[in-house]
C-alpha atoms as a PDB file:
ATOM      1  CA  MET A   1      50.732 -59.692   4.858  1.00  0.00           C
ATOM      2  CA  ASN A   2      51.377 -61.409   1.493  1.00  0.00           C
ATOM      3  CA  PHE A   3      53.695 -63.825   0.444  1.00  0.00           C
ATOM      4  CA  SER A   4      56.540 -61.591  -0.096  1.00  0.00           C
ATOM      5  CA  ASP A   5      56.328 -59.965   3.492  1.00  0.00           C
ATOM      6  CA  LYS A   6      55.805 -63.258   5.196  1.00  0.00           C
ATOM      7  CA  ILE A   7      58.834 -64.531   3.656  1.00  0.00           C
ATOM      8  CA  LYS A   8      61.214 -61.577   4.470  1.00  0.00           C
ATOM      9  CA  TYR A   9      59.487 -61.206   8.042  1.00  0.00           C
ATOM     10  CA  GLN A  10      60.040 -64.874   8.723  1.00  0.00           C
ATOM     11  CA  ARG A  11      63.735 -64.915   7.302  1.00  0.00           C
ATOM     12  CA  GLU A  12      64.410 -62.225   9.504  1.00  0.00           C
ATOM     13  CA  GLN A  13      62.852 -63.537  12.676  1.00  0.00           C
ATOM     14  CA  ASN A  14      65.273 -66.766  12.187  1.00  0.00           C
ATOM     15  CA  HIS A  15      68.021 -64.799  11.761  1.00  0.00           C
ATOM     16  CA  LEU A  16      68.848 -65.845   8.014  1.00  0.00           C
ATOM     17  CA  THR A  17      70.295 -64.170   5.318  1.00  0.00           C
ATOM     18  CA  GLN A  18      68.697 -64.607   1.990  1.00  0.00           C
ATOM     19  CA  LYS A  19      71.624 -67.036   0.895  1.00  0.00           C
ATOM     20  CA  GLU A  20      71.400 -69.095   4.057  1.00  0.00           C
ATOM     21  CA  LEU A  21      67.287 -69.274   3.247  1.00  0.00           C
ATOM     22  CA  ALA A  22      68.337 -70.423  -0.487  1.00  0.00           C
ATOM     23  CA  GLU A  23      70.683 -73.077   0.727  1.00  0.00           C
ATOM     24  CA  LEU A  24      67.884 -74.475   2.981  1.00  0.00           C
ATOM     25  CA  VAL A  25      65.630 -74.790   0.349  1.00  0.00           C
ATOM     26  CA  GLY A  26      67.615 -75.694  -2.485  1.00  0.00           C
ATOM     27  CA  VAL A  27      67.101 -72.593  -4.495  1.00  0.00           C
ATOM     28  CA  SER A  28      69.087 -69.416  -5.783  1.00  0.00           C
ATOM     29  CA  GLN A  29      69.805 -66.302  -3.772  1.00  0.00           C
ATOM     30  CA  ARG A  30      68.347 -64.541  -6.580  1.00  0.00           C
ATOM     31  CA  ALA A  31      64.832 -66.623  -6.187  1.00  0.00           C
ATOM     32  CA  ILE A  32      64.760 -65.575  -2.594  1.00  0.00           C
ATOM     33  CA  ALA A  33      65.124 -62.116  -3.084  1.00  0.00           C
ATOM     34  CA  ALA A  34      62.332 -62.357  -6.105  1.00  0.00           C
ATOM     35  CA  TYR A  35      59.868 -63.926  -3.594  1.00  0.00           C
ATOM     36  CA  GLU A  36      60.802 -60.853  -1.057  1.00  0.00           C
ATOM     37  CA  SER A  37      60.590 -58.047  -3.381  1.00  0.00           C
ATOM     38  CA  SER A  38      59.003 -58.679  -6.860  1.00  0.00           C
ATOM     39  CA  GLY A  39      55.993 -60.586  -5.480  1.00  0.00           C
ATOM     40  CA  THR A  40      57.058 -63.642  -7.512  1.00  0.00           C
ATOM     41  CA  ILE A  41      55.281 -66.897  -5.767  1.00  0.00           C
ATOM     42  CA  ALA A  42      57.125 -69.965  -5.194  1.00  0.00           C
ATOM     43  CA  ARG A  43      56.241 -73.427  -6.594  1.00  0.00           C
ATOM     44  CA  ILE A  44      54.295 -75.583  -4.131  1.00  0.00           C
ATOM     45  CA  SER A  45      56.912 -77.844  -3.519  1.00  0.00           C
ATOM     46  CA  THR A  46      59.184 -74.902  -3.049  1.00  0.00           C
ATOM     47  CA  MET A  47      56.720 -73.439  -0.735  1.00  0.00           C
ATOM     48  CA  ARG A  48      56.877 -76.358   1.279  1.00  0.00           C
ATOM     49  CA  LYS A  49      60.449 -76.349   1.988  1.00  0.00           C
ATOM     50  CA  LEU A  50      60.418 -72.503   2.524  1.00  0.00           C
ATOM     51  CA  ALA A  51      57.771 -73.663   5.397  1.00  0.00           C
ATOM     52  CA  HIS A  52      60.064 -76.145   6.917  1.00  0.00           C
ATOM     53  CA  ALA A  53      63.142 -74.071   6.623  1.00  0.00           C
ATOM     54  CA  LEU A  54      61.387 -70.573   8.214  1.00  0.00           C
ATOM     55  CA  ASN A  55      59.728 -73.031  10.820  1.00  0.00           C
ATOM     56  CA  VAL A  56      56.052 -72.023   9.787  1.00  0.00           C
ATOM     57  CA  SER A  57      52.934 -73.872   8.054  1.00  0.00           C
ATOM     58  CA  TYR A  58      52.722 -74.236   4.283  1.00  0.00           C
ATOM     59  CA  ASP A  59      49.035 -72.604   5.072  1.00  0.00           C
ATOM     60  CA  TYR A  60      50.484 -69.847   6.706  1.00  0.00           C
ATOM     61  CA  LEU A  61      52.452 -68.992   3.278  1.00  0.00           C
ATOM     62  CA  LYS A  62      50.067 -69.982   0.994  1.00  0.00           C
ATOM     63  CA  HIS A  63      47.372 -68.087   2.237  1.00  0.00           C
ATOM     64  CA  ASP A  64      47.410 -64.506   2.807  1.00  0.00           C
ATOM     65  CA  GLU A  65      44.232 -64.055   5.068  1.00  0.00           C
ATOM     66  CA  ILE A  66      46.120 -66.452   7.635  1.00  0.00           C
ATOM     67  CA  THR A  67      48.130 -64.633  10.101  1.00  0.00           C
ATOM     68  CA  ASP A  68      49.624 -67.096  12.597  1.00  0.00           C
ATOM     69  CA  PRO A  69      52.472 -68.774  11.129  1.00  0.00           C
ATOM     70  CA  SER A  70      51.751 -71.729  13.556  1.00  0.00           C
ATOM     71  CA  TYR A  71      48.329 -72.204  11.690  1.00  0.00           C
ATOM     72  CA  GLY A  72      48.106 -75.967  10.355  1.00  0.00           C
ATOM     73  CA  ILE A  73      51.777 -76.593  11.491  1.00  0.00           C
ATOM     74  CA  GLU A  74      50.378 -79.820  13.204  1.00  0.00           C
ATOM     75  CA  LYS A  75      49.445 -81.736  10.023  1.00  0.00           C
ATOM     76  CA  MET A  76      52.561 -80.702   7.730  1.00  0.00           C
ATOM     77  CA  ASP A  77      54.367 -84.235   8.790  1.00  0.00           C
ATOM     78  CA  TYR A  78      51.292 -85.995   7.744  1.00  0.00           C
ATOM     79  CA  ILE A  79      51.207 -84.012   4.556  1.00  0.00           C
ATOM     80  CA  ASP A  80      54.840 -84.741   3.747  1.00  0.00           C
ATOM     81  CA  GLU A  81      54.734 -88.078   3.976  1.00  0.00           C
ATOM     82  CA  VAL A  82      51.509 -88.013   1.330  1.00  0.00           C
ATOM     83  CA  ASN A  83      53.480 -85.966  -0.888  1.00  0.00           C
ATOM     84  CA  GLY A  84      56.158 -88.666  -0.515  1.00  0.00           C
ATOM     85  CA  GLN A  85      54.021 -91.375  -1.705  1.00  0.00           C
ATOM     86  CA  LEU A  86      51.514 -89.836  -3.999  1.00  0.00           C
ATOM     87  CA  GLY A  87      52.885 -86.244  -4.887  1.00  0.00           C
ATOM     88  CA  GLU A  88      51.925 -82.936  -5.009  1.00  0.00           C
ATOM     89  CA  LYS A  89      48.113 -84.213  -6.023  1.00  0.00           C
ATOM     90  CA  GLY A  90      48.168 -86.297  -2.975  1.00  0.00           C
ATOM     91  CA  ALA A  91      49.372 -83.859  -0.571  1.00  0.00           C
ATOM     92  CA  LYS A  92      46.965 -81.110  -1.716  1.00  0.00           C
ATOM     93  CA  ASP A  93      44.087 -83.915  -1.237  1.00  0.00           C
ATOM     94  CA  ILE A  94      45.273 -84.763   2.306  1.00  0.00           C
ATOM     95  CA  ASN A  95      45.744 -81.382   3.104  1.00  0.00           C
ATOM     96  CA  GLU A  96      41.982 -80.436   1.853  1.00  0.00           C
ATOM     97  CA  ILE A  97      40.564 -83.517   3.770  1.00  0.00           C
ATOM     98  CA  LEU A  98      42.504 -82.372   7.356  1.00  0.00           C
ATOM     99  CA  GLU A  99      41.516 -78.860   7.221  1.00  0.00           C
ATOM    100  CA  ALA A 100      37.975 -79.709   6.524  1.00  0.00           C
ATOM    101  CA  ASN A 101      38.223 -81.808   9.705  1.00  0.00           C
ATOM    102  CA  ARG A 102      39.682 -79.125  11.595  1.00  0.00           C
ATOM    103  CA  ALA A 103      35.884 -78.221  12.215  1.00  0.00           C
ATOM    104  CA  LEU A 104      35.762 -80.860  14.604  1.00  0.00           C
ATOM    105  CA  PHE A 105      38.070 -79.569  17.226  1.00  0.00           C
ATOM    106  CA  ALA A 106      36.964 -75.980  17.195  1.00  0.00           C
ATOM    107  CA  GLY A 107      35.507 -74.880  20.447  1.00  0.00           C
ATOM    108  CA  GLY A 108      36.564 -78.080  22.188  1.00  0.00           C
ATOM    109  CA  GLU A 109      39.523 -79.096  24.357  1.00  0.00           C
ATOM    110  CA  LEU A 110      41.389 -81.457  22.616  1.00  0.00           C
ATOM    111  CA  ASP A 111      45.108 -82.494  23.610  1.00  0.00           C
ATOM    112  CA  GLU A 112      47.844 -82.665  21.120  1.00  0.00           C
ATOM    113  CA  GLU A 113      48.302 -86.389  21.272  1.00  0.00           C
ATOM    114  CA  ALA A 114      44.471 -86.897  20.928  1.00  0.00           C
ATOM    115  CA  LYS A 115      44.743 -84.659  17.650  1.00  0.00           C
ATOM    116  CA  ASP A 116      47.928 -86.196  16.585  1.00  0.00           C
ATOM    117  CA  ALA A 117      46.346 -89.596  16.719  1.00  0.00           C
ATOM    118  CA  PHE A 118      43.548 -88.195  14.632  1.00  0.00           C
ATOM    119  CA  TYR A 119      45.281 -86.958  12.131  1.00  0.00           C
ATOM    120  CA  GLN A 120      47.374 -90.150  11.775  1.00  0.00           C
ATOM    121  CA  ALA A 121      44.256 -92.431  11.519  1.00  0.00           C
ATOM    122  CA  VAL A 122      42.833 -90.472   8.486  1.00  0.00           C
ATOM    123  CA  THR A 123      46.045 -89.997   6.733  1.00  0.00           C
ATOM    124  CA  LYS A 124      46.630 -93.853   7.017  1.00  0.00           C
ATOM    125  CA  ALA A 125      43.013 -94.334   6.085  1.00  0.00           C
ATOM    126  CA  TYR A 126      43.676 -92.160   3.052  1.00  0.00           C
ATOM    127  CA  LEU A 127      46.780 -93.738   2.035  1.00  0.00           C
ATOM    128  CA  SER A 128      45.571 -97.274   2.160  1.00  0.00           C
ATOM    129  CA  CYS A 129      42.132 -96.390   0.206  1.00  0.00           C
ATOM    130  CA  LYS A 130      44.338 -94.693  -2.279  1.00  0.00           C
ATOM    131  CA  MET A 131      46.665 -97.823  -2.832  1.00  0.00           C
ATOM    132  CA  GLU A 132      43.622-100.074  -2.730  1.00  0.00           C
ATOM    133  CA  ALA A 133      41.499 -98.324  -5.291  1.00  0.00           C
ATOM    134  CA  LYS A 134      45.290 -98.105  -7.596  1.00  0.00           C
ATOM    135  CA  ARG A 135      45.475-102.165  -7.297  1.00  0.00           C
ATOM    136  CA  HIS A 136      41.748-102.308  -7.865  1.00  0.00           C
ATOM    137  CA  LEU A 137      41.766-100.080 -11.146  1.00  0.00           C
ATOM    138  CA  ASP A 138      45.054-101.818 -12.326  1.00  0.00           C
ATOM    139  CA  GLY A 139      43.415-105.032 -11.825  1.00  0.00           C
ATOM    140  CA  LYS A 140      40.585-104.212 -13.805  1.00  0.00           C
ATOM    141  CA  ARG A 141      42.640-102.266 -16.602  1.00  0.00           C
ATOM    142  CA  LYS A 142      44.435-105.607 -17.626  1.00  0.00           C
ATOM    143  CA  THR A 143      40.636-107.340 -18.144  1.00  0.00           C
ATOM    144  CA  LEU A 144      39.345-104.245 -19.504  1.00  0.00           C
ATOM    145  CA  LYS A 145      41.583-103.844 -22.293  1.00  0.00           C
ATOM    146  CA  ARG A 146      40.843-101.223 -25.311  1.00  0.00           C
ATOM    147  CA  LYS A 147      37.490-100.485 -23.572  1.00  0.00           C
ATOM    148  CA  VAL A 148      36.160 -97.405 -22.462  1.00  0.00           C
ATOM    149  CA  ILE A 149      38.280 -96.910 -19.279  1.00  0.00           C
ATOM    150  CA  HIS A 150      41.517 -96.538 -21.535  1.00  0.00           C
ATOM    151  CA  ARG A 151      39.901 -94.041 -23.912  1.00  0.00           C
ATOM    152  CA  CYS A 152      38.473 -91.871 -21.835  1.00  0.00           C
ATOM    153  CA  PRO A 153      40.944 -90.593 -18.761  1.00  0.00           C
ATOM    154  CA  TYR A 154      37.958 -89.092 -17.274  1.00  0.00           C
ATOM    155  CA  PHE A 155      36.084 -91.853 -16.994  1.00  0.00           C
ATOM    156  CA  ARG A 156      38.901 -93.426 -14.978  1.00  0.00           C
ATOM    157  CA  THR A 157      39.515 -90.643 -12.836  1.00  0.00           C
ATOM    158  CA  ALA A 158      35.659 -90.445 -12.102  1.00  0.00           C
ATOM    159  CA  LEU A 159      35.788 -94.454 -11.147  1.00  0.00           C
ATOM    160  CA  LEU A 160      38.800 -93.909  -9.368  1.00  0.00           C
ATOM    161  CA  LEU A 161      37.407 -90.709  -7.258  1.00  0.00           C
ATOM    162  CA  LEU A 162      34.414 -92.964  -6.848  1.00  0.00           C
ATOM    163  CA  TYR A 163      35.805 -95.691  -5.208  1.00  0.00           C
ATOM    164  CA  THR A 164      38.148 -94.019  -3.348  1.00  0.00           C
ATOM    165  CA  CYS A 165      35.561 -92.038  -1.579  1.00  0.00           C
ATOM    166  CA  SER A 166      33.478 -94.366  -0.691  1.00  0.00           C
ATOM    167  CA  LYS A 167      36.637 -96.476   0.515  1.00  0.00           C
ATOM    168  CA  LEU A 168      37.906 -93.275   2.420  1.00  0.00           C
ATOM    169  CA  SER A 169      34.018 -92.459   3.921  1.00  0.00           C
ATOM    170  CA  TYR A 170      34.084 -95.564   5.606  1.00  0.00           C
ATOM    171  CA  GLU A 171      37.314 -95.484   6.869  1.00  0.00           C
ATOM    172  CA  ILE A 172      37.020 -92.107   8.211  1.00  0.00           C
ATOM    173  CA  SER A 173      33.706 -93.498   9.885  1.00  0.00           C
ATOM    174  CA  ARG A 174      35.598 -96.138  11.183  1.00  0.00           C
ATOM    175  CA  CYS A 175      38.415 -93.603  12.653  1.00  0.00           C
ATOM    176  CA  PHE A 176      35.915 -91.278  14.083  1.00  0.00           C
ATOM    177  CA  TYR A 177      34.255 -94.501  16.238  1.00  0.00           C
ATOM    178  CA  GLU A 178      37.893 -95.563  17.531  1.00  0.00           C
ATOM    179  CA  PHE A 179      38.941 -91.897  18.354  1.00  0.00           C
ATOM    180  CA  LYS A 180      35.608 -91.520  20.088  1.00  0.00           C
ATOM    181  CA  MET A 181      36.430 -94.744  22.191  1.00  0.00           C
ATOM    182  CA  TYR A 182      39.758 -93.456  22.799  1.00  0.00           C
ATOM    183  CA  LYS A 183      38.250 -90.454  24.154  1.00  0.00           C
ATOM    184  CA  ARG A 184      35.869 -92.220  26.629  1.00  0.00           C
ATOM    185  CA  HIS A 185      38.796 -94.090  28.119  1.00  0.00           C
ATOM    186  CA  CYS A 186      41.320 -91.072  28.738  1.00  0.00           C
END
């Protein structure tokens, strides 16, 4: 099923008209009609609103190969939290991080509370690392006036990424340890 089919099918399943869905999402009825019939794909921010309005996951709408509307729905609140603080790029990053870690749950029995605790820990670690990296680089920016870091945005981005990844790796390792301890006591 493609994006157009999913939008129409889920709208009908929720007993919504195009106009009602448009009002929930904050777009025109014409936009909903275009999503359903002409193959127009919504912007990422609109797709997130559509997912919430239709009670399906963002991943389900975005990826044609995903057929389960609830696939990934448990991580939507965390992605929205990051989106609110860091924007779409941050939301995309945390979605990729959480998706990459789904393999940890494959084949094992993990209750929703434990899964939620894991997602919360990873999201908290990601946000804390991003904020610390930003503060760290902002301080450096003041001392490195008119040096390479200002003239080369790629260098600055690479530096930020390197710093964030090292901090995130440490925080995720710590979260895994705490999570493992949590599971032993349950």
